[in-house]
């Protein structure tokens, strides 16, 4: 059944349901996200808005994450559920071929500074060496029909496509207005499935580990003591935990 969100106000007298509103919030949502992408619950640098594609359409919002992967954000607005699913797939087919120079040009036009500078300011670290190796698709909507939700789930589950839906529901009560957010699928699970598909397609039998060079480790120690490590965030240490005894590893330093 289609996703539905309900909210209740908790008081001494019990629960009082706060009713949804049908005001035109989807038209305003793009502006809210553009001003503060954190409302998505993601660490995302926006690099473009209403980005024209060679197919004639315009991507509502284009972002890049810490790993250097592009994120296509499409808002349902007045489009039918089927139209928005087809639209985001069509845009992704264009985004996946963008070169660094093209992404840099899009970023400069939107932010007034080049991609590397904008990335460094936002994430407080240098831009990854490999940009746009993968991409994500996110549909934002107040609701989708059951059929469209099944299509998105099917693409993510069966074909490991990195596609998801963020639902924003709007509510109005005596003291003001509220907005709620929920994902159709756990974004970490969708990401892991997409990474599994990539590994299956390109697996060579060898692991490649960027050993890192900084405050917590250095290359000389790696060589002297024969180890690799990762830390400072779960997303870095989680892949290393997949290693087992006997695995073959190529350790390297990015940018050297």
C-alpha atoms as a PDB file:
ATOM      1  CA  UNK A   1       0.000   0.000   0.000  1.00  0.00           C
ATOM      2  CA  UNK A   2       1.191   3.588  -0.620  1.00  0.00           C
ATOM      3  CA  UNK A   3       3.190   5.365   2.076  1.00  0.00           C
ATOM      4  CA  UNK A   4       1.165   7.454   4.516  1.00  0.00           C
ATOM      5  CA  UNK A   5       2.327   9.624   7.435  1.00  0.00           C
ATOM      6  CA  UNK A   6       0.185  10.692  10.364  1.00  0.00           C
ATOM      7  CA  UNK A   7       1.073  12.892  13.356  1.00  0.00           C
ATOM      8  CA  UNK A   8      -0.628  13.223  16.729  1.00  0.00           C
ATOM      9  CA  UNK A   9      -0.269  15.905  19.370  1.00  0.00           C
ATOM     10  CA  UNK A  10       0.443  14.368  22.803  1.00  0.00           C
ATOM     11  CA  UNK A  11      -1.324  15.999  25.762  1.00  0.00           C
ATOM     12  CA  UNK A  12      -2.515  15.089  29.236  1.00  0.00           C
ATOM     13  CA  UNK A  13      -5.921  14.340  27.758  1.00  0.00           C
ATOM     14  CA  UNK A  14      -4.505  11.844  25.235  1.00  0.00           C
ATOM     15  CA  UNK A  15      -3.677  11.956  21.545  1.00  0.00           C
ATOM     16  CA  UNK A  16      -5.127  14.483  19.141  1.00  0.00           C
ATOM     17  CA  UNK A  17      -4.469  13.906  15.455  1.00  0.00           C
ATOM     18  CA  UNK A  18      -3.011  16.785  13.467  1.00  0.00           C
ATOM     19  CA  UNK A  19      -4.597  16.843  10.052  1.00  0.00           C
ATOM     20  CA  UNK A  20      -2.689  17.091   6.792  1.00  0.00           C
ATOM     21  CA  UNK A  21      -2.966  20.166   4.664  1.00  0.00           C
ATOM     22  CA  UNK A  22      -3.362  20.340   0.896  1.00  0.00           C
ATOM     23  CA  UNK A  23      -1.688  23.728   0.530  1.00  0.00           C
ATOM     24  CA  UNK A  24       0.816  24.134  -2.297  1.00  0.00           C
ATOM     25  CA  UNK A  25       3.894  23.098  -0.343  1.00  0.00           C
ATOM     26  CA  UNK A  26       5.469  20.971  -3.081  1.00  0.00           C
ATOM     27  CA  UNK A  27       5.944  24.101  -5.143  1.00  0.00           C
ATOM     28  CA  UNK A  28       7.800  25.712  -2.230  1.00  0.00           C
ATOM     29  CA  UNK A  29       9.782  22.611  -1.255  1.00  0.00           C
ATOM     30  CA  UNK A  30      12.408  23.116  -3.960  1.00  0.00           C
ATOM     31  CA  UNK A  31      13.230  26.542  -2.531  1.00  0.00           C
ATOM     32  CA  UNK A  32      13.497  25.149   0.989  1.00  0.00           C
ATOM     33  CA  UNK A  33      15.858  22.384  -0.127  1.00  0.00           C
ATOM     34  CA  UNK A  34      17.935  24.824  -2.186  1.00  0.00           C
ATOM     35  CA  UNK A  35      18.341  27.040   0.879  1.00  0.00           C
ATOM     36  CA  UNK A  36      19.076  24.181   3.280  1.00  0.00           C
ATOM     37  CA  UNK A  37      19.744  20.701   1.807  1.00  0.00           C
ATOM     38  CA  UNK A  38      20.013  19.254   5.322  1.00  0.00           C
ATOM     39  CA  UNK A  39      16.196  18.997   5.390  1.00  0.00           C
ATOM     40  CA  UNK A  40      16.765  15.917   3.223  1.00  0.00           C
ATOM     41  CA  UNK A  41      18.681  14.239   6.027  1.00  0.00           C
ATOM     42  CA  UNK A  42      21.734  14.016   3.772  1.00  0.00           C
ATOM     43  CA  UNK A  43      25.199  15.564   3.693  1.00  0.00           C
ATOM     44  CA  UNK A  44      24.858  17.061   0.244  1.00  0.00           C
ATOM     45  CA  UNK A  45      26.463  19.955  -1.612  1.00  0.00           C
ATOM     46  CA  UNK A  46      24.077  21.392  -4.203  1.00  0.00           C
ATOM     47  CA  UNK A  47      25.915  22.205  -7.440  1.00  0.00           C
ATOM     48  CA  UNK A  48      23.011  23.037  -9.737  1.00  0.00           C
ATOM     49  CA  UNK A  49      19.361  23.995  -9.916  1.00  0.00           C
ATOM     50  CA  UNK A  50      17.090  23.637 -12.936  1.00  0.00           C
ATOM     51  CA  UNK A  51      20.056  22.173 -14.798  1.00  0.00           C
ATOM     52  CA  UNK A  52      19.334  21.868 -18.543  1.00  0.00           C
ATOM     53  CA  UNK A  53      20.074  18.485 -20.114  1.00  0.00           C
ATOM     54  CA  UNK A  54      20.783  17.644 -23.725  1.00  0.00           C
ATOM     55  CA  UNK A  55      17.385  15.887 -23.832  1.00  0.00           C
ATOM     56  CA  UNK A  56      15.522  19.158 -23.333  1.00  0.00           C
ATOM     57  CA  UNK A  57      14.506  18.658 -19.693  1.00  0.00           C
ATOM     58  CA  UNK A  58      15.744  20.391 -16.572  1.00  0.00           C
ATOM     59  CA  UNK A  59      16.934  18.657 -13.395  1.00  0.00           C
ATOM     60  CA  UNK A  60      15.272  20.284 -10.385  1.00  0.00           C
ATOM     61  CA  UNK A  61      18.338  19.993  -8.146  1.00  0.00           C
ATOM     62  CA  UNK A  62      21.750  18.409  -8.679  1.00  0.00           C
ATOM     63  CA  UNK A  63      24.055  17.631  -5.773  1.00  0.00           C
ATOM     64  CA  UNK A  64      27.291  15.864  -4.957  1.00  0.00           C
ATOM     65  CA  UNK A  65      28.070  13.854  -1.817  1.00  0.00           C
ATOM     66  CA  UNK A  66      31.299  13.402   0.127  1.00  0.00           C
ATOM     67  CA  UNK A  67      32.294  10.398  -2.022  1.00  0.00           C
ATOM     68  CA  UNK A  68      32.073  12.479  -5.214  1.00  0.00           C
ATOM     69  CA  UNK A  69      28.862  10.816  -6.423  1.00  0.00           C
ATOM     70  CA  UNK A  70      26.247  12.982  -8.128  1.00  0.00           C
ATOM     71  CA  UNK A  71      22.706  13.014  -6.744  1.00  0.00           C
ATOM     72  CA  UNK A  72      19.716  13.784  -8.988  1.00  0.00           C
ATOM     73  CA  UNK A  73      16.822  15.295  -7.015  1.00  0.00           C
ATOM     74  CA  UNK A  74      13.432  15.510  -8.700  1.00  0.00           C
ATOM     75  CA  UNK A  75      10.316  16.933  -7.067  1.00  0.00           C
ATOM     76  CA  UNK A  76       6.994  15.464  -8.066  1.00  0.00           C
ATOM     77  CA  UNK A  77       5.179  18.814  -8.152  1.00  0.00           C
ATOM     78  CA  UNK A  78       2.269  18.597 -10.608  1.00  0.00           C
ATOM     79  CA  UNK A  79       3.587  15.543 -12.477  1.00  0.00           C
ATOM     80  CA  UNK A  80       1.928  12.146 -12.243  1.00  0.00           C
ATOM     81  CA  UNK A  81       3.760   9.444 -10.233  1.00  0.00           C
ATOM     82  CA  UNK A  82       4.647   7.509 -13.387  1.00  0.00           C
ATOM     83  CA  UNK A  83       5.981  10.663 -15.048  1.00  0.00           C
ATOM     84  CA  UNK A  84       8.303  11.533 -12.165  1.00  0.00           C
ATOM     85  CA  UNK A  85       9.785   8.012 -11.982  1.00  0.00           C
ATOM     86  CA  UNK A  86      10.454   8.002 -15.733  1.00  0.00           C
ATOM     87  CA  UNK A  87      11.831  11.549 -15.547  1.00  0.00           C
ATOM     88  CA  UNK A  88      14.419  10.829 -12.856  1.00  0.00           C
ATOM     89  CA  UNK A  89      15.632   7.742 -14.739  1.00  0.00           C
ATOM     90  CA  UNK A  90      15.941   9.761 -17.939  1.00  0.00           C
ATOM     91  CA  UNK A  91      17.948  12.485 -16.200  1.00  0.00           C
ATOM     92  CA  UNK A  92      20.221   9.908 -14.563  1.00  0.00           C
ATOM     93  CA  UNK A  93      21.067   8.494 -18.002  1.00  0.00           C
ATOM     94  CA  UNK A  94      22.450  11.939 -18.866  1.00  0.00           C
ATOM     95  CA  UNK A  95      24.145  12.630 -15.521  1.00  0.00           C
ATOM     96  CA  UNK A  96      26.158   9.398 -15.506  1.00  0.00           C
ATOM     97  CA  UNK A  97      28.189  10.587 -18.528  1.00  0.00           C
ATOM     98  CA  UNK A  98      29.053  14.044 -17.189  1.00  0.00           C
ATOM     99  CA  UNK A  99      32.777  14.754 -17.117  1.00  0.00           C
ATOM    100  CA  UNK A 100      34.593  16.657 -14.391  1.00  0.00           C
ATOM    101  CA  UNK A 101      34.786  19.690 -16.679  1.00  0.00           C
ATOM    102  CA  UNK A 102      31.026  19.634 -17.260  1.00  0.00           C
ATOM    103  CA  UNK A 103      30.235  19.269 -13.547  1.00  0.00           C
ATOM    104  CA  UNK A 104      32.690  22.066 -12.792  1.00  0.00           C
ATOM    105  CA  UNK A 105      30.938  24.337 -15.300  1.00  0.00           C
ATOM    106  CA  UNK A 106      27.505  23.556 -13.796  1.00  0.00           C
ATOM    107  CA  UNK A 107      28.847  24.270 -10.301  1.00  0.00           C
ATOM    108  CA  UNK A 108      30.509  27.537 -11.312  1.00  0.00           C
ATOM    109  CA  UNK A 109      27.313  28.782 -12.966  1.00  0.00           C
ATOM    110  CA  UNK A 110      25.214  27.967  -9.879  1.00  0.00           C
ATOM    111  CA  UNK A 111      27.547  28.736  -6.981  1.00  0.00           C
ATOM    112  CA  UNK A 112      29.906  31.290  -8.493  1.00  0.00           C
ATOM    113  CA  UNK A 113      32.980  29.192  -7.644  1.00  0.00           C
ATOM    114  CA  UNK A 114      34.604  26.099  -9.102  1.00  0.00           C
ATOM    115  CA  UNK A 115      33.746  22.566  -7.998  1.00  0.00           C
ATOM    116  CA  UNK A 116      36.962  21.917  -6.075  1.00  0.00           C
ATOM    117  CA  UNK A 117      36.648  25.128  -4.053  1.00  0.00           C
ATOM    118  CA  UNK A 118      32.960  24.593  -3.268  1.00  0.00           C
ATOM    119  CA  UNK A 119      33.580  20.966  -2.290  1.00  0.00           C
ATOM    120  CA  UNK A 120      36.468  21.868   0.009  1.00  0.00           C
ATOM    121  CA  UNK A 121      34.482  24.587   1.793  1.00  0.00           C
ATOM    122  CA  UNK A 122      31.435  22.379   2.315  1.00  0.00           C
ATOM    123  CA  UNK A 123      33.057  19.080   3.316  1.00  0.00           C
ATOM    124  CA  UNK A 124      36.262  20.534   4.827  1.00  0.00           C
ATOM    125  CA  UNK A 125      38.405  18.129   2.795  1.00  0.00           C
ATOM    126  CA  UNK A 126      39.847  17.818  -0.686  1.00  0.00           C
ATOM    127  CA  UNK A 127      37.676  16.662  -3.542  1.00  0.00           C
ATOM    128  CA  UNK A 128      37.963  12.907  -4.322  1.00  0.00           C
ATOM    129  CA  UNK A 129      40.138  11.838  -7.216  1.00  0.00           C
ATOM    130  CA  UNK A 130      37.292   9.891  -8.855  1.00  0.00           C
ATOM    131  CA  UNK A 131      34.241  12.089  -9.484  1.00  0.00           C
ATOM    132  CA  UNK A 132      30.879  10.793 -10.738  1.00  0.00           C
ATOM    133  CA  UNK A 133      31.902   7.135 -10.600  1.00  0.00           C
ATOM    134  CA  UNK A 134      28.364   6.458  -9.340  1.00  0.00           C
ATOM    135  CA  UNK A 135      25.171   8.441  -9.005  1.00  0.00           C
ATOM    136  CA  UNK A 136      21.993   8.455  -6.937  1.00  0.00           C
ATOM    137  CA  UNK A 137      18.391   9.256  -7.819  1.00  0.00           C
ATOM    138  CA  UNK A 138      15.994  10.712  -5.271  1.00  0.00           C
ATOM    139  CA  UNK A 139      12.354  11.567  -5.825  1.00  0.00           C
ATOM    140  CA  UNK A 140      10.742  13.933  -3.338  1.00  0.00           C
ATOM    141  CA  UNK A 141       6.975  13.890  -3.037  1.00  0.00           C
ATOM    142  CA  UNK A 142       4.116  14.151  -0.568  1.00  0.00           C
ATOM    143  CA  UNK A 143       2.791  10.850  -1.891  1.00  0.00           C
ATOM    144  CA  UNK A 144       3.130   8.309  -4.697  1.00  0.00           C
ATOM    145  CA  UNK A 145       0.700   5.701  -5.917  1.00  0.00           C
ATOM    146  CA  UNK A 146       1.151   2.039  -5.041  1.00  0.00           C
ATOM    147  CA  UNK A 147       2.322   1.126  -8.543  1.00  0.00           C
ATOM    148  CA  UNK A 148       5.103   3.728  -8.594  1.00  0.00           C
ATOM    149  CA  UNK A 149       6.361   2.655  -5.178  1.00  0.00           C
ATOM    150  CA  UNK A 150       6.516  -0.938  -6.444  1.00  0.00           C
ATOM    151  CA  UNK A 151       8.551   0.182  -9.471  1.00  0.00           C
ATOM    152  CA  UNK A 152      11.079   2.053  -7.312  1.00  0.00           C
ATOM    153  CA  UNK A 153      11.357  -0.902  -4.911  1.00  0.00           C
ATOM    154  CA  UNK A 154      11.787  -3.290  -7.839  1.00  0.00           C
ATOM    155  CA  UNK A 155      14.618  -1.251  -9.369  1.00  0.00           C
ATOM    156  CA  UNK A 156      16.436  -1.026  -6.022  1.00  0.00           C
ATOM    157  CA  UNK A 157      15.905  -4.656  -4.959  1.00  0.00           C
ATOM    158  CA  UNK A 158      16.241  -6.578  -8.210  1.00  0.00           C
ATOM    159  CA  UNK A 159      18.624  -4.408 -10.223  1.00  0.00           C
ATOM    160  CA  UNK A 160      20.475  -2.673  -7.347  1.00  0.00           C
ATOM    161  CA  UNK A 161      19.698   0.769  -8.777  1.00  0.00           C
ATOM    162  CA  UNK A 162      20.493   3.580  -6.338  1.00  0.00           C
ATOM    163  CA  UNK A 163      17.021   5.108  -6.374  1.00  0.00           C
ATOM    164  CA  UNK A 164      14.838   6.156  -3.454  1.00  0.00           C
ATOM    165  CA  UNK A 165      11.933   8.383  -2.466  1.00  0.00           C
ATOM    166  CA  UNK A 166      11.752  10.986   0.297  1.00  0.00           C
ATOM    167  CA  UNK A 167       8.210  11.752   1.407  1.00  0.00           C
ATOM    168  CA  UNK A 168       7.430  15.184   2.844  1.00  0.00           C
ATOM    169  CA  UNK A 169       4.055  15.482   4.548  1.00  0.00           C
ATOM    170  CA  UNK A 170       2.584  18.798   5.677  1.00  0.00           C
ATOM    171  CA  UNK A 171       0.324  19.394   8.648  1.00  0.00           C
ATOM    172  CA  UNK A 172      -1.509  22.382  10.076  1.00  0.00           C
ATOM    173  CA  UNK A 173      -2.685  22.915  13.644  1.00  0.00           C
ATOM    174  CA  UNK A 174      -3.688  25.758  15.911  1.00  0.00           C
ATOM    175  CA  UNK A 175      -0.117  26.720  16.808  1.00  0.00           C
ATOM    176  CA  UNK A 176       1.297  26.656  13.289  1.00  0.00           C
ATOM    177  CA  UNK A 177       2.459  24.292  10.570  1.00  0.00           C
ATOM    178  CA  UNK A 178       4.582  21.155  10.610  1.00  0.00           C
ATOM    179  CA  UNK A 179       6.518  19.181   8.026  1.00  0.00           C
ATOM    180  CA  UNK A 180       7.422  15.496   8.349  1.00  0.00           C
ATOM    181  CA  UNK A 181      10.028  13.521   6.382  1.00  0.00           C
ATOM    182  CA  UNK A 182      10.389   9.793   5.740  1.00  0.00           C
ATOM    183  CA  UNK A 183      12.270   7.548   3.294  1.00  0.00           C
ATOM    184  CA  UNK A 184      10.575   4.858   1.234  1.00  0.00           C
ATOM    185  CA  UNK A 185      13.590   2.578   1.834  1.00  0.00           C
ATOM    186  CA  UNK A 186      16.523   2.710   4.235  1.00  0.00           C
ATOM    187  CA  UNK A 187      19.079   4.807   2.258  1.00  0.00           C
ATOM    188  CA  UNK A 188      22.038   2.859   3.684  1.00  0.00           C
ATOM    189  CA  UNK A 189      20.545  -0.449   2.508  1.00  0.00           C
ATOM    190  CA  UNK A 190      19.928   0.994  -0.963  1.00  0.00           C
ATOM    191  CA  UNK A 191      23.537   2.232  -1.058  1.00  0.00           C
ATOM    192  CA  UNK A 192      24.918  -1.160  -0.001  1.00  0.00           C
ATOM    193  CA  UNK A 193      22.871  -2.958  -2.670  1.00  0.00           C
ATOM    194  CA  UNK A 194      24.145  -0.552  -5.327  1.00  0.00           C
ATOM    195  CA  UNK A 195      27.740  -1.125  -4.203  1.00  0.00           C
ATOM    196  CA  UNK A 196      27.185  -4.900  -4.350  1.00  0.00           C
ATOM    197  CA  UNK A 197      26.061  -4.631  -7.976  1.00  0.00           C
ATOM    198  CA  UNK A 198      29.153  -2.597  -8.858  1.00  0.00           C
ATOM    199  CA  UNK A 199      31.477  -5.107  -7.186  1.00  0.00           C
ATOM    200  CA  UNK A 200      29.817  -8.024  -8.970  1.00  0.00           C
ATOM    201  CA  UNK A 201      30.203  -6.293 -12.321  1.00  0.00           C
ATOM    202  CA  UNK A 202      33.825  -5.250 -11.859  1.00  0.00           C
ATOM    203  CA  UNK A 203      35.241  -7.711  -9.288  1.00  0.00           C
ATOM    204  CA  UNK A 204      38.816  -8.709 -10.118  1.00  0.00           C
ATOM    205  CA  UNK A 205      39.612 -10.692  -6.982  1.00  0.00           C
ATOM    206  CA  UNK A 206      41.701  -7.861  -5.523  1.00  0.00           C
ATOM    207  CA  UNK A 207      40.824  -5.200  -2.979  1.00  0.00           C
ATOM    208  CA  UNK A 208      42.090  -1.642  -3.441  1.00  0.00           C
ATOM    209  CA  UNK A 209      42.545   0.341  -0.232  1.00  0.00           C
ATOM    210  CA  UNK A 210      43.424   4.013   0.006  1.00  0.00           C
ATOM    211  CA  UNK A 211      45.722   3.794   3.032  1.00  0.00           C
ATOM    212  CA  UNK A 212      45.389   7.474   3.841  1.00  0.00           C
ATOM    213  CA  UNK A 213      47.955   9.953   5.079  1.00  0.00           C
ATOM    214  CA  UNK A 214      47.238  12.267   7.976  1.00  0.00           C
ATOM    215  CA  UNK A 215      47.068  12.783  11.714  1.00  0.00           C
ATOM    216  CA  UNK A 216      46.063   9.212  12.572  1.00  0.00           C
ATOM    217  CA  UNK A 217      48.209   7.156  10.178  1.00  0.00           C
ATOM    218  CA  UNK A 218      50.984   7.509   7.640  1.00  0.00           C
ATOM    219  CA  UNK A 219      52.383   5.564   4.726  1.00  0.00           C
ATOM    220  CA  UNK A 220      55.731   4.839   6.381  1.00  0.00           C
ATOM    221  CA  UNK A 221      54.005   3.009   9.255  1.00  0.00           C
ATOM    222  CA  UNK A 222      51.851   1.054   6.801  1.00  0.00           C
ATOM    223  CA  UNK A 223      54.967  -0.173   5.007  1.00  0.00           C
ATOM    224  CA  UNK A 224      57.030  -0.791   8.156  1.00  0.00           C
ATOM    225  CA  UNK A 225      54.361  -2.763  10.018  1.00  0.00           C
ATOM    226  CA  UNK A 226      52.406  -4.204   7.084  1.00  0.00           C
ATOM    227  CA  UNK A 227      48.878  -3.020   7.865  1.00  0.00           C
ATOM    228  CA  UNK A 228      45.995  -0.964   6.491  1.00  0.00           C
ATOM    229  CA  UNK A 229      43.300   0.734   8.563  1.00  0.00           C
ATOM    230  CA  UNK A 230      40.316   3.031   8.290  1.00  0.00           C
ATOM    231  CA  UNK A 231      38.486   5.159  10.795  1.00  0.00           C
ATOM    232  CA  UNK A 232      36.943   8.488  11.771  1.00  0.00           C
ATOM    233  CA  UNK A 233      33.616   7.406  10.270  1.00  0.00           C
ATOM    234  CA  UNK A 234      31.575   4.236   9.847  1.00  0.00           C
ATOM    235  CA  UNK A 235      31.418   4.652   6.073  1.00  0.00           C
ATOM    236  CA  UNK A 236      35.233   4.314   5.949  1.00  0.00           C
ATOM    237  CA  UNK A 237      35.645   1.442   8.406  1.00  0.00           C
ATOM    238  CA  UNK A 238      32.653  -0.618   7.243  1.00  0.00           C
ATOM    239  CA  UNK A 239      34.203  -1.670   3.871  1.00  0.00           C
ATOM    240  CA  UNK A 240      37.458  -2.725   5.597  1.00  0.00           C
ATOM    241  CA  UNK A 241      35.484  -5.077   7.842  1.00  0.00           C
ATOM    242  CA  UNK A 242      34.586  -7.096   4.753  1.00  0.00           C
ATOM    243  CA  UNK A 243      38.210  -8.264   4.419  1.00  0.00           C
ATOM    244  CA  UNK A 244      39.014 -11.846   5.414  1.00  0.00           C
ATOM    245  CA  UNK A 245      42.257 -13.784   5.913  1.00  0.00           C
ATOM    246  CA  UNK A 246      43.967 -14.472   2.599  1.00  0.00           C
ATOM    247  CA  UNK A 247      42.425 -11.547   0.684  1.00  0.00           C
ATOM    248  CA  UNK A 248      44.766  -9.798  -1.736  1.00  0.00           C
ATOM    249  CA  UNK A 249      45.086  -6.056  -1.190  1.00  0.00           C
ATOM    250  CA  UNK A 250      46.624  -3.250  -3.193  1.00  0.00           C
ATOM    251  CA  UNK A 251      47.294  -0.379  -0.781  1.00  0.00           C
ATOM    252  CA  UNK A 252      47.870   3.057  -2.286  1.00  0.00           C
ATOM    253  CA  UNK A 253      47.877   6.740  -1.507  1.00  0.00           C
ATOM    254  CA  UNK A 254      45.479   8.867  -3.534  1.00  0.00           C
ATOM    255  CA  UNK A 255      47.071  11.781  -5.439  1.00  0.00           C
ATOM    256  CA  UNK A 256      50.583  10.331  -5.194  1.00  0.00           C
END
